[in-house]
Protein backbone atom coordinates (compact mmCIF):
# COMPACT_ATOMS: atom_id res chain seq x y z
CA MET A 1 -0.20 0.14 0.07
CA PHE A 2 2.88 2.62 1.22
CA ASN A 3 6.41 2.64 -0.01
CA PHE A 4 8.06 4.19 2.84
CA ARG A 5 11.76 3.81 1.66
CA LEU A 6 12.04 7.64 1.49
CA ILE A 7 9.75 8.29 4.46
CA ALA A 8 11.81 5.63 6.36
CA SER A 9 15.02 7.71 5.42
CA ALA A 10 13.61 10.94 7.00
CA ALA A 11 11.94 9.81 10.17
CA ALA A 12 14.83 9.03 12.19
CA LEU A 13 14.87 5.27 12.42
CA ALA A 14 12.48 3.24 14.49
CA VAL A 15 15.02 1.51 16.40
CA ILE A 16 15.31 4.63 18.45
CA THR A 17 12.00 3.42 19.93
CA GLN A 18 14.32 0.87 21.73
CA VAL A 19 17.64 2.66 22.43
CA ALA A 20 17.41 6.33 22.26
CA SER A 21 13.71 7.74 23.12
CA ALA A 22 13.28 11.17 24.47
CA ASN A 23 12.95 9.47 27.93
CA GLU A 24 16.68 8.60 27.49
CA MET A 25 17.33 12.03 26.46
CA ALA A 26 15.76 13.96 29.64
CA PRO A 27 16.05 13.28 33.38
CA PRO A 28 13.45 10.68 34.43
CA THR A 29 11.69 13.12 36.61
CA GLU A 30 10.83 15.69 33.56
CA LYS A 31 7.45 15.43 32.33
CA SER A 32 7.97 17.47 29.33
CA ARG A 33 11.15 18.93 27.20
CA PRO A 34 11.73 21.21 24.57
CA LEU A 35 12.19 20.26 20.76
CA THR A 36 15.42 18.37 20.08
CA LEU A 37 16.73 18.24 16.60
CA GLY A 38 19.93 16.24 15.15
CA LEU A 39 21.00 13.58 12.93
CA VAL A 40 21.41 9.77 13.22
CA ALA A 41 23.18 7.33 10.90
CA GLY A 42 21.97 3.76 11.19
CA TYR A 43 23.20 0.37 10.18
CA PHE A 44 20.67 -2.58 9.96
CA ASP A 45 22.20 -5.97 9.47
CA LYS A 46 18.92 -7.69 8.09
CA PRO A 47 18.86 -11.25 7.91
CA TYR A 48 17.66 -11.33 4.19
CA SER A 49 20.14 -13.45 2.10
CA ALA A 50 22.76 -11.43 0.08
CA LEU A 51 21.40 -8.07 0.77
CA ASP A 52 22.86 -5.17 -0.81
CA ASP A 53 24.74 -2.82 1.91
CA ASP A 54 22.58 0.10 0.38
CA GLY A 55 19.67 -1.86 1.78
CA LYS A 56 21.02 -1.96 5.40
CA ARG A 57 22.25 1.67 5.77
CA THR A 58 20.66 5.22 6.27
CA VAL A 59 20.99 8.37 7.68
CA ALA A 60 17.87 10.34 9.03
CA PRO A 61 17.07 13.24 11.04
CA LEU A 62 16.34 12.97 14.69
CA ILE A 63 13.34 14.79 15.96
CA LEU A 64 12.45 14.54 19.67
CA TRP A 65 9.76 16.54 21.60
CA GLU A 66 7.96 15.89 24.64
CA GLY A 67 4.69 17.86 25.78
CA GLU A 68 2.84 17.09 29.16
CA ARG A 69 0.48 15.01 27.02
CA PHE A 70 1.72 14.64 23.40
CA PHE A 71 5.08 13.41 22.24
CA TRP A 72 7.30 12.51 19.18
CA ARG A 73 10.31 10.25 19.75
CA GLY A 74 12.18 9.60 16.67
CA GLY A 75 9.92 7.08 14.45
CA TRP A 76 7.04 7.36 16.78
CA GLY A 77 4.77 9.21 18.59
CA GLY A 78 1.70 9.25 20.91
CA TYR A 79 -0.58 10.55 23.56
CA LYS A 80 -0.04 9.97 27.41
CA PHE A 81 -2.90 9.17 29.14
CA VAL A 82 -0.74 8.62 32.41
CA ASN A 83 2.41 10.65 32.80
CA ARG A 84 4.16 10.16 36.02
CA PRO A 85 7.66 9.71 36.52
CA ASP A 86 7.38 5.96 37.64
CA LEU A 87 4.47 5.23 35.13
CA GLU A 88 3.73 6.23 31.51
CA VAL A 89 0.60 4.69 29.76
CA ALA A 90 0.36 5.96 26.19
CA ALA A 91 -1.41 5.55 22.67
CA LEU A 92 1.16 5.27 19.80
CA VAL A 93 1.82 5.41 16.37
CA SER A 94 4.82 4.18 14.82
CA ILE A 95 6.74 3.87 11.65
CA ARG A 96 7.95 0.17 10.96
CA ALA A 97 10.90 1.35 8.95
CA THR A 98 13.54 -1.34 9.87
CA MET A 99 11.86 -4.47 8.08
CA GLY A 100 11.29 -5.29 4.47
CA TYR A 101 13.23 -4.94 1.13
CA ASP A 102 13.04 -3.67 -2.34
CA SER A 103 13.22 -6.86 -4.64
CA SER A 104 16.27 -5.12 -6.09
CA ASP A 105 18.34 -5.25 -3.00
CA SER A 106 19.27 -8.69 -3.47
CA ASN A 107 19.63 -11.60 -6.29
CA VAL A 108 17.89 -13.81 -4.19
CA LEU A 109 14.97 -11.23 -3.80
CA ARG A 110 14.40 -10.93 -7.56
CA GLY A 111 11.09 -11.54 -8.68
CA MET A 112 9.78 -11.03 -5.17
CA ASP A 113 7.09 -8.21 -4.46
CA ASP A 114 8.56 -5.52 -2.15
CA ARG A 115 7.91 -5.86 1.45
CA ASP A 116 7.08 -2.13 2.39
CA ALA A 117 7.33 -0.46 5.72
CA THR A 118 4.19 0.94 7.12
CA VAL A 119 2.46 2.63 10.21
CA ASP A 120 1.40 0.94 13.32
CA GLY A 121 -0.73 2.01 16.10
CA GLY A 122 -1.31 0.88 19.63
CA PHE A 123 -0.13 1.39 23.21
CA HIS A 124 2.47 1.11 25.91
CA ILE A 125 2.67 0.88 29.43
CA VAL A 126 6.07 1.63 31.05
CA TRP A 127 6.50 1.17 34.64
CA THR A 128 10.04 2.45 36.37
CA PRO A 129 9.95 2.41 40.06
CA SER A 130 13.58 2.74 40.33
CA GLU A 131 16.52 2.32 37.99
CA PHE A 132 14.96 -1.19 37.03
CA GLY A 133 11.63 -0.82 34.77
CA LEU A 134 9.34 -2.97 32.84
CA LYS A 135 7.67 -2.12 29.74
CA PHE A 136 4.77 -3.82 27.77
CA GLU A 137 4.01 -2.66 24.14
CA MET A 138 1.46 -3.73 21.66
CA LEU A 139 1.24 -2.48 17.87
CA GLY A 140 -0.82 -3.49 14.92
CA ASP A 141 -0.64 -2.45 11.28
CA LEU A 142 -2.84 0.84 10.79
CA ALA A 143 -1.94 0.91 6.78
CA ASP A 144 -3.23 -2.60 6.13
CA GLU A 145 0.42 -3.42 4.76
CA TYR A 146 1.03 -6.84 6.53
CA GLY A 147 -2.15 -6.97 8.64
CA GLY A 148 -0.95 -8.37 11.80
CA TYR A 149 0.48 -7.24 15.45
CA GLU A 150 3.50 -7.35 17.48
CA VAL A 151 3.56 -7.89 21.32
CA THR A 152 6.67 -6.64 23.16
CA GLY A 153 7.41 -7.33 26.86
CA GLU A 154 11.06 -5.78 28.07
CA GLY A 155 12.62 -5.21 31.36
CA PHE A 156 15.27 -2.64 31.53
CA TYR A 157 18.05 -1.04 33.74
CA GLN A 158 18.54 2.77 33.48
CA ALA A 159 21.03 4.99 35.31
CA ARG A 160 22.95 8.22 35.19
CA SER A 161 26.76 8.84 35.79
CA GLY A 162 27.79 12.18 35.76
CA ASN A 163 27.01 13.46 32.14
CA TRP A 164 26.40 9.99 31.05
CA LEU A 165 22.87 8.19 30.83
CA ASN A 166 23.15 4.33 30.21
CA ARG A 167 20.52 2.07 29.58
CA LEU A 168 20.28 -2.12 28.81
CA ALA A 169 16.91 -3.74 28.35
CA ALA A 170 16.36 -7.38 27.35
CA GLY A 171 12.95 -8.81 26.08
CA LEU A 172 10.74 -11.06 24.25
CA VAL A 173 8.95 -9.79 20.96
CA TYR A 174 5.96 -11.99 19.59
CA GLN A 175 5.24 -11.33 15.89
CA SER A 176 1.94 -12.61 14.64
CA GLU A 177 1.73 -15.03 11.60
CA ASP A 178 0.28 -12.13 9.24
CA LEU A 179 3.50 -10.01 9.92
CA VAL A 180 6.00 -12.88 10.02
CA ASP A 181 4.53 -14.02 6.62
CA TYR A 182 4.45 -10.79 4.88
CA TYR A 183 8.18 -10.11 5.69
CA TYR A 184 9.61 -13.55 5.39
CA GLY A 185 7.34 -15.62 3.63
CA VAL A 186 7.55 -16.58 -0.18
CA LYS A 187 3.95 -16.48 -2.12
CA SER A 188 3.50 -19.27 -4.79
CA LYS A 189 3.56 -16.70 -7.31
CA GLU A 190 7.06 -15.64 -6.17
CA ALA A 191 8.45 -19.44 -6.03
CA ARG A 192 11.56 -20.18 -8.29
CA PRO A 193 14.20 -22.82 -8.25
CA GLY A 194 16.21 -22.42 -4.89
CA ARG A 195 13.28 -20.43 -3.63
CA PRO A 196 10.30 -22.41 -2.75
CA ALA A 197 6.99 -21.21 -1.58
CA TYR A 198 6.90 -20.61 2.15
CA SER A 199 4.19 -19.87 4.59
CA ALA A 200 5.39 -18.54 8.10
CA ASP A 201 3.62 -18.77 11.50
CA GLY A 202 3.75 -16.53 14.16
CA GLU A 203 7.16 -16.26 16.09
CA THR A 204 8.55 -15.07 19.42
CA ASN A 205 12.05 -13.64 19.18
CA PHE A 206 14.52 -12.50 21.65
CA ARG A 207 15.80 -8.87 22.09
CA LEU A 208 18.81 -7.04 23.68
CA SER A 209 19.64 -3.56 23.44
CA ALA A 210 21.74 -0.98 24.80
CA ALA A 211 22.32 2.84 24.61
CA THR A 212 24.59 5.38 25.98
CA ILE A 213 23.55 9.22 25.93
CA TYR A 214 26.30 11.99 26.48
CA ARG A 215 25.46 15.40 27.32
CA PRO A 216 28.47 17.92 28.65
CA GLU A 217 27.29 20.05 31.70
CA GLY A 218 25.24 23.05 30.80
CA SER A 219 25.32 22.06 27.19
CA LYS A 220 22.37 21.86 24.71
CA TRP A 221 24.26 19.15 22.56
CA SER A 222 23.63 15.73 23.12
CA PHE A 223 25.25 12.61 21.64
CA LEU A 224 24.07 9.24 21.47
CA LEU A 225 25.28 5.61 20.67
CA GLY A 226 23.15 2.58 20.55
CA ALA A 227 22.72 -0.83 19.46
CA ARG A 228 20.05 -3.71 19.33
CA TYR A 229 20.40 -7.40 18.92
CA ASP A 230 17.37 -9.42 17.63
CA MET A 231 17.50 -13.49 17.80
CA PHE A 232 15.01 -14.78 15.36
CA GLY A 233 12.91 -18.01 15.88
CA ASP A 234 12.93 -20.88 13.42
CA GLU A 235 9.67 -19.44 11.49
CA ILE A 236 12.41 -16.50 10.41
CA ASP A 237 15.09 -18.57 10.22
CA ASP A 238 13.67 -21.26 8.14
CA SER A 239 12.49 -18.70 5.24
CA PRO A 240 14.41 -19.63 1.90
CA ILE A 241 14.93 -15.90 1.60
CA THR A 242 16.73 -15.43 5.01
CA ASN A 243 20.27 -16.81 5.76
CA ASP A 244 20.71 -15.44 9.54
CA ASP A 245 18.73 -16.00 12.72
CA SER A 246 19.63 -12.56 13.98
CA GLN A 247 19.89 -8.92 12.96
CA LEU A 248 22.23 -6.40 14.54
CA SER A 249 21.01 -2.60 14.41
CA VAL A 250 23.65 -0.07 15.23
CA LEU A 251 22.83 3.74 15.37
CA ALA A 252 25.06 6.89 16.21
CA GLY A 253 24.08 10.58 16.25
CA PHE A 254 23.75 13.98 17.77
CA GLY A 255 21.02 16.32 18.94
CA TYR A 256 20.70 20.03 19.94
CA THR A 257 18.12 20.85 22.33
CA PHE A 258 16.25 24.32 21.74
CA GLY A 259 14.73 26.50 24.70
CA MET A 260 16.65 24.97 27.65
């Protein structure tokens, strides 16, 4: 329905959702913050076979804004129904921009229909009673591109040390049959010698992420470095268009905060 290749490159990488959101760019006790603009470079080692490097790299603007209720954090935004230092309950709209491919990205994918990015919607609950916290999130396809949903449960540790903020997280991600089959399945009309038709079921994947944010004292500039490692289940690993059971995503960037 939509081809978001350009939008994905202009919307600040959905991986920021996990490793560099506005919550990590601001003190945990702040309920709002001014606009932050910057630039992020990302590399996504997708599991598709023989994928060109151009399909793995992107540079995008970083846009972060935190209001009392509304917010925008990189590739996603929403409205906070509960906005406390220890608890956030919010409705979300998110750009799913780090999955999918163009058929021209790899010889293995020639003759496949493009698998496009899309817009998801849902909610999350983030509970942070101390340096340790928990997050539950559910997202579904608003644009009817893949027609499925994703559920994430995550535990994280977040702490400041001087001018540094460090965050570590681990969790499980369940992706529905429609989502997994859309991005990793092979339709009958796409089958070729060496690429049989393949229909995938829902799958649970394991995720690790880490991020560090550095802001010099009294400065409006922030610098970030983040990484995410996804370990996929058999439904993705067994696909004839994949050659790996994991994906490493790395990003680095900077931002300037106005109005501080």
